[in-house]
Amino acid sequence: MSKRYTAEFKRDAVALALSSEKTVTGVARDLGVSPEGLRGWVKRAKVDRGEGPAGALTTAEREELVRLRRKVREQEATIEVLGKRPPSSLRTR
C-alpha cells in the first residue's frame, strides 16, 4: 500500500535531494520514501520550473488538461442525451 505525502513534504524532499551531495537513493533512504517516488518528484519539480524536456506539461497544465477532458466528456454526454430526444420535445409552446 502506497503512502500519501503532503505537498510540503515533497517540496522539502526535492530541495534536499537537489542540494545534497548524496544520491537520490541515499536521500530517499534517509527520508523513508521509495527512490522511484523521490525521482518522480524531482523530475516533476524540474518540469514545473521549466527545466524538463521540451513539450513536458507542468503540474498546472496537467491539472487543466484533466479538468478540460472531464468537461468535454460531460458535454458529450449532454449532447448525446439531447440527440436522442424526439424533435417535438425540443419545441417550446
N, C-alpha and C. Protein backbone atom coordinates (compact mmCIF):
# COMPACT_ATOMS: atom_id res chain seq x y z
N MET A 1 0.84 -1.18 0.00
CA MET A 1 0.00 0.00 0.00
C MET A 1 0.89 1.25 0.00
N SER A 2 0.65 2.16 -0.91
CA SER A 2 1.49 3.35 -1.00
C SER A 2 1.02 4.42 -0.02
N LYS A 3 1.98 5.20 0.44
CA LYS A 3 1.67 6.29 1.36
C LYS A 3 1.38 7.56 0.57
N ARG A 4 0.63 8.46 1.17
CA ARG A 4 0.39 9.78 0.60
C ARG A 4 1.23 10.78 1.37
N TYR A 5 1.93 11.62 0.66
CA TYR A 5 2.77 12.63 1.28
C TYR A 5 2.23 14.01 0.96
N THR A 6 2.40 14.93 1.88
CA THR A 6 1.92 16.30 1.66
C THR A 6 2.78 16.98 0.61
N ALA A 7 2.22 18.03 0.01
CA ALA A 7 2.97 18.81 -0.97
C ALA A 7 4.20 19.43 -0.32
N GLU A 8 4.06 19.85 0.92
CA GLU A 8 5.19 20.45 1.64
C GLU A 8 6.31 19.43 1.84
N PHE A 9 5.95 18.21 2.22
CA PHE A 9 6.96 17.16 2.41
C PHE A 9 7.69 16.89 1.10
N LYS A 10 6.93 16.78 0.01
CA LYS A 10 7.53 16.52 -1.30
C LYS A 10 8.47 17.65 -1.71
N ARG A 11 8.00 18.89 -1.49
CA ARG A 11 8.83 20.05 -1.85
C ARG A 11 10.14 20.03 -1.08
N ASP A 12 10.06 19.77 0.23
CA ASP A 12 11.26 19.73 1.06
C ASP A 12 12.17 18.57 0.68
N ALA A 13 11.59 17.42 0.34
CA ALA A 13 12.37 16.26 -0.07
C ALA A 13 13.11 16.54 -1.37
N VAL A 14 12.44 17.20 -2.31
CA VAL A 14 13.07 17.55 -3.58
C VAL A 14 14.21 18.53 -3.35
N ALA A 15 13.97 19.54 -2.52
CA ALA A 15 15.03 20.51 -2.22
C ALA A 15 16.23 19.82 -1.61
N LEU A 16 15.98 18.90 -0.70
CA LEU A 16 17.08 18.16 -0.07
C LEU A 16 17.81 17.31 -1.09
N ALA A 17 17.09 16.64 -1.95
CA ALA A 17 17.71 15.79 -2.96
C ALA A 17 18.57 16.60 -3.93
N LEU A 18 18.11 17.80 -4.28
CA LEU A 18 18.86 18.62 -5.23
C LEU A 18 20.05 19.32 -4.59
N SER A 19 19.98 19.57 -3.29
CA SER A 19 21.08 20.29 -2.63
C SER A 19 22.07 19.36 -1.94
N SER A 20 21.71 18.13 -1.76
CA SER A 20 22.55 17.17 -1.05
C SER A 20 23.64 16.62 -1.95
N GLU A 21 24.73 16.24 -1.32
CA GLU A 21 25.79 15.57 -2.06
C GLU A 21 25.50 14.08 -2.18
N LYS A 22 24.47 13.62 -1.48
CA LYS A 22 24.07 12.22 -1.56
C LYS A 22 23.31 11.97 -2.85
N THR A 23 23.22 10.70 -3.20
CA THR A 23 22.41 10.32 -4.36
C THR A 23 20.93 10.42 -3.98
N VAL A 24 20.09 10.42 -4.99
CA VAL A 24 18.64 10.43 -4.74
C VAL A 24 18.26 9.20 -3.92
N THR A 25 18.87 8.07 -4.22
CA THR A 25 18.58 6.85 -3.47
C THR A 25 18.97 7.02 -2.01
N GLY A 26 20.12 7.64 -1.75
CA GLY A 26 20.55 7.87 -0.37
C GLY A 26 19.62 8.80 0.38
N VAL A 27 19.20 9.87 -0.26
CA VAL A 27 18.27 10.82 0.37
C VAL A 27 16.93 10.13 0.62
N ALA A 28 16.47 9.35 -0.36
CA ALA A 28 15.20 8.63 -0.20
C ALA A 28 15.27 7.67 0.98
N ARG A 29 16.38 6.97 1.10
CA ARG A 29 16.55 6.04 2.21
C ARG A 29 16.50 6.79 3.54
N ASP A 30 17.17 7.94 3.62
CA ASP A 30 17.17 8.74 4.85
C ASP A 30 15.76 9.22 5.21
N LEU A 31 14.97 9.54 4.20
CA LEU A 31 13.62 10.06 4.43
C LEU A 31 12.57 8.96 4.60
N GLY A 32 12.94 7.74 4.24
CA GLY A 32 12.00 6.64 4.35
C GLY A 32 10.98 6.60 3.22
N VAL A 33 11.38 7.10 2.06
CA VAL A 33 10.49 7.07 0.89
C VAL A 33 11.16 6.21 -0.18
N SER A 34 10.38 5.82 -1.18
CA SER A 34 10.97 5.00 -2.25
C SER A 34 11.82 5.87 -3.15
N PRO A 35 12.95 5.33 -3.60
CA PRO A 35 13.81 6.09 -4.52
C PRO A 35 13.07 6.47 -5.81
N GLU A 36 12.24 5.56 -6.31
CA GLU A 36 11.48 5.85 -7.54
C GLU A 36 10.52 7.01 -7.33
N GLY A 37 9.89 7.04 -6.15
CA GLY A 37 8.97 8.13 -5.84
C GLY A 37 9.69 9.46 -5.78
N LEU A 38 10.83 9.49 -5.09
CA LEU A 38 11.60 10.74 -4.98
C LEU A 38 12.11 11.18 -6.35
N ARG A 39 12.55 10.24 -7.16
CA ARG A 39 13.00 10.60 -8.52
C ARG A 39 11.86 11.23 -9.31
N GLY A 40 10.65 10.68 -9.16
CA GLY A 40 9.49 11.25 -9.84
C GLY A 40 9.19 12.66 -9.37
N TRP A 41 9.30 12.88 -8.05
CA TRP A 41 9.05 14.22 -7.51
C TRP A 41 10.08 15.21 -8.04
N VAL A 42 11.34 14.77 -8.11
CA VAL A 42 12.41 15.65 -8.61
C VAL A 42 12.16 15.97 -10.08
N LYS A 43 11.80 14.96 -10.85
CA LYS A 43 11.53 15.17 -12.28
C LYS A 43 10.37 16.15 -12.47
N ARG A 44 9.27 15.95 -11.70
CA ARG A 44 8.10 16.83 -11.80
C ARG A 44 8.47 18.26 -11.42
N ALA A 45 9.29 18.42 -10.36
CA ALA A 45 9.71 19.76 -9.92
C ALA A 45 10.53 20.46 -11.01
N LYS A 46 11.38 19.71 -11.67
CA LYS A 46 12.19 20.30 -12.75
C LYS A 46 11.31 20.74 -13.91
N VAL A 47 10.33 19.93 -14.26
CA VAL A 47 9.40 20.29 -15.34
C VAL A 47 8.63 21.55 -14.95
N ASP A 48 8.17 21.61 -13.71
CA ASP A 48 7.41 22.77 -13.24
C ASP A 48 8.25 24.05 -13.28
N ARG A 49 9.57 23.91 -13.14
CA ARG A 49 10.46 25.08 -13.20
C ARG A 49 10.92 25.37 -14.62
N GLY A 50 10.43 24.59 -15.58
CA GLY A 50 10.81 24.82 -16.98
C GLY A 50 12.12 24.16 -17.36
N GLU A 51 12.60 23.24 -16.55
CA GLU A 51 13.87 22.58 -16.81
C GLU A 51 13.70 21.17 -17.38
N GLY A 52 12.48 20.81 -17.71
CA GLY A 52 12.20 19.46 -18.21
C GLY A 52 12.40 19.37 -19.70
N PRO A 53 12.11 18.21 -20.25
CA PRO A 53 12.23 18.04 -21.69
C PRO A 53 11.20 18.90 -22.43
N ALA A 54 11.52 19.20 -23.67
CA ALA A 54 10.63 20.02 -24.48
C ALA A 54 9.27 19.34 -24.61
N GLY A 55 8.21 20.11 -24.41
CA GLY A 55 6.86 19.59 -24.54
C GLY A 55 6.30 18.96 -23.29
N ALA A 56 7.10 18.84 -22.23
CA ALA A 56 6.60 18.26 -20.99
C ALA A 56 5.62 19.22 -20.33
N LEU A 57 4.50 18.68 -19.85
CA LEU A 57 3.47 19.51 -19.23
C LEU A 57 3.78 19.76 -17.76
N THR A 58 3.59 21.00 -17.33
CA THR A 58 3.75 21.31 -15.91
C THR A 58 2.58 20.73 -15.13
N THR A 59 2.68 20.74 -13.82
CA THR A 59 1.60 20.24 -12.97
C THR A 59 0.32 21.02 -13.23
N ALA A 60 0.42 22.33 -13.34
CA ALA A 60 -0.76 23.16 -13.59
C ALA A 60 -1.38 22.82 -14.95
N GLU A 61 -0.55 22.60 -15.96
CA GLU A 61 -1.07 22.26 -17.28
C GLU A 61 -1.73 20.87 -17.26
N ARG A 62 -1.15 19.94 -16.52
CA ARG A 62 -1.74 18.59 -16.42
C ARG A 62 -3.09 18.66 -15.72
N GLU A 63 -3.19 19.45 -14.66
CA GLU A 63 -4.46 19.60 -13.95
C GLU A 63 -5.52 20.24 -14.84
N GLU A 64 -5.11 21.24 -15.63
CA GLU A 64 -6.05 21.88 -16.54
C GLU A 64 -6.50 20.90 -17.62
N LEU A 65 -5.59 20.09 -18.12
CA LEU A 65 -5.94 19.11 -19.14
C LEU A 65 -6.96 18.11 -18.59
N VAL A 66 -6.77 17.65 -17.37
CA VAL A 66 -7.72 16.73 -16.74
C VAL A 66 -9.08 17.39 -16.61
N ARG A 67 -9.09 18.65 -16.15
CA ARG A 67 -10.34 19.39 -15.98
C ARG A 67 -11.06 19.56 -17.32
N LEU A 68 -10.32 19.93 -18.35
CA LEU A 68 -10.93 20.15 -19.66
C LEU A 68 -11.44 18.85 -20.28
N ARG A 69 -10.71 17.75 -20.09
CA ARG A 69 -11.17 16.47 -20.61
C ARG A 69 -12.46 16.03 -19.91
N ARG A 70 -12.53 16.28 -18.60
CA ARG A 70 -13.75 15.95 -17.86
C ARG A 70 -14.93 16.77 -18.39
N LYS A 71 -14.68 18.05 -18.65
CA LYS A 71 -15.74 18.93 -19.15
C LYS A 71 -16.21 18.48 -20.54
N VAL A 72 -15.29 18.08 -21.38
CA VAL A 72 -15.65 17.59 -22.72
C VAL A 72 -16.51 16.33 -22.60
N ARG A 73 -16.14 15.40 -21.70
CA ARG A 73 -16.94 14.19 -21.51
C ARG A 73 -18.35 14.53 -21.06
N GLU A 74 -18.47 15.48 -20.14
CA GLU A 74 -19.79 15.89 -19.66
C GLU A 74 -20.61 16.51 -20.79
N GLN A 75 -19.98 17.35 -21.60
CA GLN A 75 -20.70 17.99 -22.70
C GLN A 75 -21.09 16.97 -23.77
N GLU A 76 -20.22 16.01 -24.03
CA GLU A 76 -20.55 14.96 -25.00
C GLU A 76 -21.74 14.14 -24.51
N ALA A 77 -21.79 13.86 -23.21
CA ALA A 77 -22.92 13.11 -22.65
C ALA A 77 -24.21 13.92 -22.79
N THR A 78 -24.14 15.22 -22.54
CA THR A 78 -25.31 16.09 -22.68
C THR A 78 -25.78 16.11 -24.13
N ILE A 79 -24.86 16.22 -25.04
CA ILE A 79 -25.21 16.25 -26.47
C ILE A 79 -25.85 14.93 -26.88
N GLU A 80 -25.31 13.82 -26.36
CA GLU A 80 -25.88 12.50 -26.68
C GLU A 80 -27.31 12.39 -26.18
N VAL A 81 -27.55 12.84 -24.97
CA VAL A 81 -28.91 12.79 -24.40
C VAL A 81 -29.85 13.67 -25.22
N LEU A 82 -29.42 14.87 -25.54
CA LEU A 82 -30.27 15.77 -26.32
C LEU A 82 -30.50 15.25 -27.73
N GLY A 83 -29.53 14.54 -28.27
CA GLY A 83 -29.67 13.99 -29.62
C GLY A 83 -30.68 12.87 -29.69
N LYS A 84 -30.96 12.23 -28.57
CA LYS A 84 -31.90 11.11 -28.54
C LYS A 84 -33.33 11.55 -28.29
N ARG A 85 -33.53 12.83 -27.97
CA ARG A 85 -34.88 13.32 -27.71
C ARG A 85 -35.61 13.50 -29.03
N PRO A 86 -36.90 13.21 -29.07
CA PRO A 86 -37.66 13.46 -30.30
C PRO A 86 -37.73 14.97 -30.56
N PRO A 87 -37.71 15.35 -31.81
CA PRO A 87 -37.72 16.78 -32.16
C PRO A 87 -38.87 17.56 -31.56
N SER A 88 -40.04 16.96 -31.40
CA SER A 88 -41.18 17.69 -30.86
C SER A 88 -40.98 18.08 -29.40
N SER A 89 -40.16 17.34 -28.68
CA SER A 89 -39.94 17.67 -27.28
C SER A 89 -38.97 18.84 -27.12
N LEU A 90 -38.31 19.24 -28.19
CA LEU A 90 -37.38 20.36 -28.11
C LEU A 90 -38.08 21.69 -28.33
N ARG A 91 -39.27 21.64 -28.88
CA ARG A 91 -40.00 22.88 -29.16
C ARG A 91 -40.71 23.37 -27.92
N THR A 92 -40.70 24.68 -27.75
CA THR A 92 -41.47 25.28 -26.64
C THR A 92 -42.74 25.86 -27.21
N ARG A 93 -43.78 25.86 -26.43
CA ARG A 93 -45.06 26.39 -26.91
C ARG A 93 -45.45 27.59 -26.14
